[in-house]
C-alpha atoms as a PDB file:
ATOM      1  CA  MET A   1       7.108  23.769  35.135  1.00  0.00           C
ATOM      2  CA  ARG A   2      10.591  25.213  35.674  1.00  0.00           C
ATOM      3  CA  GLU A   3      12.072  21.718  36.087  1.00  0.00           C
ATOM      4  CA  TYR A   4      10.383  20.608  32.891  1.00  0.00           C
ATOM      5  CA  LEU A   5      11.785  23.561  30.931  1.00  0.00           C
ATOM      6  CA  LEU A   6      15.287  23.047  32.386  1.00  0.00           C
ATOM      7  CA  LYS A   7      15.376  19.578  30.819  1.00  0.00           C
ATOM      8  CA  MET A   8      15.480  21.286  27.428  1.00  0.00           C
ATOM      9  CA  LYS A   9      18.682  23.107  28.334  1.00  0.00           C
ATOM     10  CA  GLY A  10      20.798  19.999  27.851  1.00  0.00           C
ATOM     11  CA  GLY A  11      24.102  19.992  29.636  1.00  0.00           C
ATOM     12  CA  ALA A  12      26.141  17.122  28.277  1.00  0.00           C
ATOM     13  CA  LYS A  13      29.370  17.825  26.437  1.00  0.00           C
ATOM     14  CA  SER A  14      29.333  17.554  22.636  1.00  0.00           C
ATOM     15  CA  PRO A  15      31.113  14.490  21.235  1.00  0.00           C
ATOM     16  CA  PRO A  16      34.550  14.948  19.639  1.00  0.00           C
ATOM     17  CA  ARG A  17      34.833  15.811  15.939  1.00  0.00           C
ATOM     18  CA  ILE A  18      34.805  12.923  13.498  1.00  0.00           C
ATOM     19  CA  ARG A  19      38.173  11.981  11.976  1.00  0.00           C
ATOM     20  CA  LEU A  20      38.664  12.509   8.234  1.00  0.00           C
ATOM     21  CA  ALA A  21      39.225   8.768   7.715  1.00  0.00           C
ATOM     22  CA  GLU A  22      35.797   8.034   9.234  1.00  0.00           C
ATOM     23  CA  ILE A  23      34.211  10.655   6.998  1.00  0.00           C
ATOM     24  CA  PHE A  24      35.943   9.117   3.969  1.00  0.00           C
ATOM     25  CA  TRP A  25      34.742   5.583   4.757  1.00  0.00           C
ATOM     26  CA  SER A  26      31.216   6.768   5.583  1.00  0.00           C
ATOM     27  CA  TRP A  27      31.063   8.636   2.269  1.00  0.00           C
ATOM     28  CA  THR A  28      32.533   5.703   0.334  1.00  0.00           C
ATOM     29  CA  GLY A  29      30.111   3.248   1.899  1.00  0.00           C
ATOM     30  CA  SER A  30      27.023   5.369   1.425  1.00  0.00           C
ATOM     31  CA  PHE A  31      27.997   6.235  -2.156  1.00  0.00           C
ATOM     32  CA  SER A  32      28.547   2.536  -2.908  1.00  0.00           C
ATOM     33  CA  GLY A  33      25.395   1.334  -1.134  1.00  0.00           C
ATOM     34  CA  ILE A  34      22.976   3.922  -2.479  1.00  0.00           C
ATOM     35  CA  GLY A  35      24.793   3.867  -5.818  1.00  0.00           C
ATOM     36  CA  ALA A  36      24.335   0.103  -6.205  1.00  0.00           C
ATOM     37  CA  VAL A  37      20.637   0.209  -5.332  1.00  0.00           C
ATOM     38  CA  ALA A  38      20.012   3.281  -7.498  1.00  0.00           C
ATOM     39  CA  PHE A  39      21.984   1.859 -10.450  1.00  0.00           C
ATOM     40  CA  LEU A  40      19.994  -1.377 -10.374  1.00  0.00           C
ATOM     41  CA  SER A  41      16.745   0.517  -9.921  1.00  0.00           C
ATOM     42  CA  PHE A  42      17.337   2.949 -12.789  1.00  0.00           C
ATOM     43  CA  ASN A  43      18.603   0.270 -15.151  1.00  0.00           C
ATOM     44  CA  PHE A  44      16.335  -2.684 -14.389  1.00  0.00           C
ATOM     45  CA  PHE A  45      13.238  -1.557 -12.491  1.00  0.00           C
ATOM     46  CA  GLU A  46      12.191   2.003 -13.296  1.00  0.00           C
ATOM     47  CA  SER A  47      10.574   1.175 -16.636  1.00  0.00           C
ATOM     48  CA  GLY A  48       7.860  -0.864 -14.946  1.00  0.00           C
ATOM     49  CA  ASP A  49       5.811  -0.472 -11.807  1.00  0.00           C
ATOM     50  CA  LEU A  50       8.672  -1.586  -9.590  1.00  0.00           C
ATOM     51  CA  THR A  51      11.508   0.397  -8.135  1.00  0.00           C
ATOM     52  CA  LEU A  52      14.429  -0.798  -6.071  1.00  0.00           C
ATOM     53  CA  ILE A  53      15.050   2.415  -4.172  1.00  0.00           C
ATOM     54  CA  ILE A  54      12.914   4.253  -1.647  1.00  0.00           C
ATOM     55  CA  GLY A  55      13.600   7.420   0.302  1.00  0.00           C
ATOM     56  CA  SER A  56      14.020   5.662   3.624  1.00  0.00           C
ATOM     57  CA  PHE A  57      17.198   4.007   2.332  1.00  0.00           C
ATOM     58  CA  GLY A  58      18.916   7.391   2.556  1.00  0.00           C
ATOM     59  CA  ALA A  59      18.423   7.387   6.315  1.00  0.00           C
ATOM     60  CA  SER A  60      19.496   3.742   6.498  1.00  0.00           C
ATOM     61  CA  ALA A  61      22.734   4.698   4.743  1.00  0.00           C
ATOM     62  CA  VAL A  62      23.458   7.245   7.484  1.00  0.00           C
ATOM     63  CA  LEU A  63      23.117   4.526  10.105  1.00  0.00           C
ATOM     64  CA  ILE A  64      24.882   1.598   8.415  1.00  0.00           C
ATOM     65  CA  PHE A  65      27.778   3.646   7.039  1.00  0.00           C
ATOM     66  CA  ALA A  66      28.240   6.488   9.556  1.00  0.00           C
ATOM     67  CA  ALA A  67      26.862   5.137  12.851  1.00  0.00           C
ATOM     68  CA  ILE A  68      27.987   1.525  12.431  1.00  0.00           C
ATOM     69  CA  ARG A  69      28.226   0.772  16.143  1.00  0.00           C
ATOM     70  CA  SER A  70      24.692   1.925  16.881  1.00  0.00           C
ATOM     71  CA  PRO A  71      22.215  -0.814  17.772  1.00  0.00           C
ATOM     72  CA  LEU A  72      19.896   0.846  15.241  1.00  0.00           C
ATOM     73  CA  ALA A  73      22.396   0.103  12.442  1.00  0.00           C
ATOM     74  CA  GLN A  74      22.852  -3.628  12.991  1.00  0.00           C
ATOM     75  CA  PRO A  75      21.671  -6.126  10.347  1.00  0.00           C
ATOM     76  CA  ARG A  76      18.729  -7.383  12.413  1.00  0.00           C
ATOM     77  CA  ASN A  77      17.489  -3.832  12.757  1.00  0.00           C
ATOM     78  CA  LEU A  78      18.138  -2.868   9.138  1.00  0.00           C
ATOM     79  CA  ILE A  79      16.328  -5.858   7.653  1.00  0.00           C
ATOM     80  CA  GLY A  80      13.721  -6.468  10.342  1.00  0.00           C
ATOM     81  CA  GLY A  81      12.849  -2.808  10.759  1.00  0.00           C
ATOM     82  CA  HIS A  82      12.297  -2.249   7.043  1.00  0.00           C
ATOM     83  CA  VAL A  83      10.439  -5.505   6.360  1.00  0.00           C
ATOM     84  CA  LEU A  84       8.082  -5.304   9.338  1.00  0.00           C
ATOM     85  CA  SER A  85       7.392  -1.643   8.628  1.00  0.00           C
ATOM     86  CA  ALA A  86       6.676  -2.367   4.960  1.00  0.00           C
ATOM     87  CA  ILE A  87       4.142  -5.050   5.923  1.00  0.00           C
ATOM     88  CA  ILE A  88       2.454  -2.651   8.321  1.00  0.00           C
ATOM     89  CA  GLY A  89       2.460   0.203   5.808  1.00  0.00           C
ATOM     90  CA  VAL A  90       0.921  -1.857   3.020  1.00  0.00           C
ATOM     91  CA  SER A  91      -1.688  -3.236   5.426  1.00  0.00           C
ATOM     92  CA  ALA A  92      -2.575   0.256   6.644  1.00  0.00           C
ATOM     93  CA  TYR A  93      -2.987   1.503   3.082  1.00  0.00           C
ATOM     94  CA  GLN A  94      -5.119  -1.478   2.088  1.00  0.00           C
ATOM     95  CA  MET A  95      -7.361  -1.071   5.143  1.00  0.00           C
ATOM     96  CA  MET A  96      -7.668   2.724   5.206  1.00  0.00           C
ATOM     97  CA  GLY A  97      -6.478   4.072   1.860  1.00  0.00           C
ATOM     98  CA  ASP A  98      -4.382   7.187   1.392  1.00  0.00           C
ATOM     99  CA  THR A  99      -5.678   8.981   4.491  1.00  0.00           C
ATOM    100  CA  TRP A 100      -4.177  10.827   7.416  1.00  0.00           C
ATOM    101  CA  MET A 101      -5.350   7.996   9.657  1.00  0.00           C
ATOM    102  CA  ALA A 102      -3.507   5.369   7.586  1.00  0.00           C
ATOM    103  CA  SER A 103      -0.330   7.472   7.706  1.00  0.00           C
ATOM    104  CA  ALA A 104      -0.467   7.886  11.478  1.00  0.00           C
ATOM    105  CA  PHE A 105      -1.433   4.252  12.046  1.00  0.00           C
ATOM    106  CA  ALA A 106       1.328   2.914   9.780  1.00  0.00           C
ATOM    107  CA  VAL A 107       4.156   4.885  11.395  1.00  0.00           C
ATOM    108  CA  SER A 108       2.963   4.432  14.978  1.00  0.00           C
ATOM    109  CA  SER A 109       2.325   0.722  14.550  1.00  0.00           C
ATOM    110  CA  ALA A 110       5.687   0.241  12.828  1.00  0.00           C
ATOM    111  CA  ILE A 111       7.410   1.897  15.788  1.00  0.00           C
ATOM    112  CA  ALA A 112       5.535  -0.289  18.272  1.00  0.00           C
ATOM    113  CA  VAL A 113       6.266  -3.512  16.355  1.00  0.00           C
ATOM    114  CA  MET A 114       9.941  -2.639  15.879  1.00  0.00           C
ATOM    115  CA  LEU A 115      10.261  -1.937  19.600  1.00  0.00           C
ATOM    116  CA  PHE A 116       8.451  -5.167  20.483  1.00  0.00           C
ATOM    117  CA  THR A 117      10.683  -7.249  18.173  1.00  0.00           C
ATOM    118  CA  ASP A 118      13.971  -5.488  19.031  1.00  0.00           C
ATOM    119  CA  THR A 119      14.368  -4.385  15.411  1.00  0.00           C
ATOM    120  CA  LEU A 120      14.131  -0.608  15.868  1.00  0.00           C
ATOM    121  CA  HIS A 121      15.485   1.089  12.734  1.00  0.00           C
ATOM    122  CA  PRO A 122      14.197   4.684  12.445  1.00  0.00           C
ATOM    123  CA  PRO A 123      14.078   4.636   8.618  1.00  0.00           C
ATOM    124  CA  GLY A 124      11.491   1.870   9.003  1.00  0.00           C
ATOM    125  CA  GLY A 125       8.983   4.539   9.987  1.00  0.00           C
ATOM    126  CA  ALA A 126       9.534   6.170   6.608  1.00  0.00           C
ATOM    127  CA  THR A 127       9.234   2.791   4.865  1.00  0.00           C
ATOM    128  CA  ALA A 128       5.788   2.344   6.439  1.00  0.00           C
ATOM    129  CA  LEU A 129       4.774   5.889   5.506  1.00  0.00           C
ATOM    130  CA  ILE A 130       5.945   5.497   1.899  1.00  0.00           C
ATOM    131  CA  ALA A 131       3.633   2.474   1.551  1.00  0.00           C
ATOM    132  CA  VAL A 132       0.723   4.766   2.429  1.00  0.00           C
ATOM    133  CA  ILE A 133       1.625   8.035   0.707  1.00  0.00           C
ATOM    134  CA  GLY A 134       3.700   6.596  -2.141  1.00  0.00           C
ATOM    135  CA  SER A 135       2.914   6.681  -5.835  1.00  0.00           C
ATOM    136  CA  GLU A 136       0.188   4.753  -7.589  1.00  0.00           C
ATOM    137  CA  GLU A 137       2.886   2.289  -8.688  1.00  0.00           C
ATOM    138  CA  ILE A 138       3.795   1.595  -5.053  1.00  0.00           C
ATOM    139  CA  HIS A 139       0.119   1.103  -4.196  1.00  0.00           C
ATOM    140  CA  ASN A 140      -0.435  -1.179  -7.199  1.00  0.00           C
ATOM    141  CA  ILE A 141       2.286  -3.646  -6.221  1.00  0.00           C
ATOM    142  CA  GLY A 142       0.691  -4.236  -2.792  1.00  0.00           C
ATOM    143  CA  TYR A 143       2.622  -6.657  -0.613  1.00  0.00           C
ATOM    144  CA  LEU A 144       5.294  -7.082  -3.285  1.00  0.00           C
ATOM    145  CA  TYR A 145       6.539  -3.737  -1.837  1.00  0.00           C
ATOM    146  CA  VAL A 146       7.787  -5.773   1.122  1.00  0.00           C
ATOM    147  CA  PHE A 147      10.126  -7.747  -1.143  1.00  0.00           C
ATOM    148  CA  VAL A 148      10.934  -5.245  -3.914  1.00  0.00           C
ATOM    149  CA  PRO A 149      12.040  -2.595  -3.126  1.00  0.00           C
ATOM    150  CA  THR A 150      12.179  -3.051   0.631  1.00  0.00           C
ATOM    151  CA  LEU A 151      13.855  -6.399   1.333  1.00  0.00           C
ATOM    152  CA  ALA A 152      15.905  -6.527  -1.871  1.00  0.00           C
ATOM    153  CA  GLY A 153      17.219  -2.983  -1.460  1.00  0.00           C
ATOM    154  CA  ALA A 154      18.011  -3.447   2.221  1.00  0.00           C
ATOM    155  CA  LEU A 155      19.886  -6.686   1.492  1.00  0.00           C
ATOM    156  CA  ILE A 156      21.963  -5.028  -1.223  1.00  0.00           C
ATOM    157  CA  MET A 157      22.856  -2.203   1.150  1.00  0.00           C
ATOM    158  CA  LEU A 158      23.711  -4.728   3.875  1.00  0.00           C
ATOM    159  CA  VAL A 159      26.133  -6.565   1.588  1.00  0.00           C
ATOM    160  CA  ILE A 160      27.822  -3.282   0.652  1.00  0.00           C
ATOM    161  CA  ALA A 161      27.988  -2.310   4.349  1.00  0.00           C
ATOM    162  CA  LEU A 162      29.665  -5.611   5.199  1.00  0.00           C
ATOM    163  CA  LEU A 163      32.225  -5.172   2.418  1.00  0.00           C
ATOM    164  CA  VAL A 164      33.073  -1.478   2.805  1.00  0.00           C
ATOM    165  CA  ASN A 165      32.838  -1.061   6.580  1.00  0.00           C
ATOM    166  CA  ASN A 166      35.350  -3.836   7.155  1.00  0.00           C
ATOM    167  CA  LEU A 167      37.948  -2.490   4.719  1.00  0.00           C
ATOM    168  CA  ALA A 168      39.175   0.270   7.028  1.00  0.00           C
ATOM    169  CA  GLU A 169      41.349  -0.364  10.032  1.00  0.00           C
ATOM    170  CA  GLY A 170      39.413   0.302  13.217  1.00  0.00           C
ATOM    171  CA  ARG A 171      35.995  -0.245  11.635  1.00  0.00           C
ATOM    172  CA  LYS A 172      34.037  -3.420  12.260  1.00  0.00           C
ATOM    173  CA  TYR A 173      30.530  -4.155  11.059  1.00  0.00           C
ATOM    174  CA  PRO A 174      28.328  -5.615  12.341  1.00  0.00           C
ATOM    175  CA  GLU A 175      28.645  -5.451  16.075  1.00  0.00           C
ATOM    176  CA  TYR A 176      26.255  -8.432  16.216  1.00  0.00           C
ATOM    177  CA  TRP A 177      23.822 -10.245  13.961  1.00  0.00           C
ATOM    178  CA  TYR A 178      21.095 -11.161  16.410  1.00  0.00           C
END
């Protein structure tokens, strides 16, 4: 038991502080990426049953604009993680409805599938959960949720990440495509 509890103590040294230039480019990228998706959503989608922005894109912005070297932030993970998780989330909702079981099944299955396909992107778990606990409008669009907002929004953010992350000296995105 003592050994188990000692694991929680940690022991590694904290990473160095982030440079102001990195903070600037992370802010600029996330503002541009979320701004583009939100602008399009508010101006072209919000009046109907569709939206172009979902909460999980906020977490994606952290990865693709502030942790650009992370394997979790690479294009394969961004797109694959969201799309696979959206499929799983919609399927869970359609099979089990808006229940605790559907929520747990959607997130857990999304994690397993992302791990199996090497597309782990933590915001994908939220994308799956949103398909289950989301609004009536999200439920009504069914598998269209996979394409709009999920795929379309992720692709827009990817394009912005490619453009902004490569403007600054010392930043390179992506590390790899596949």
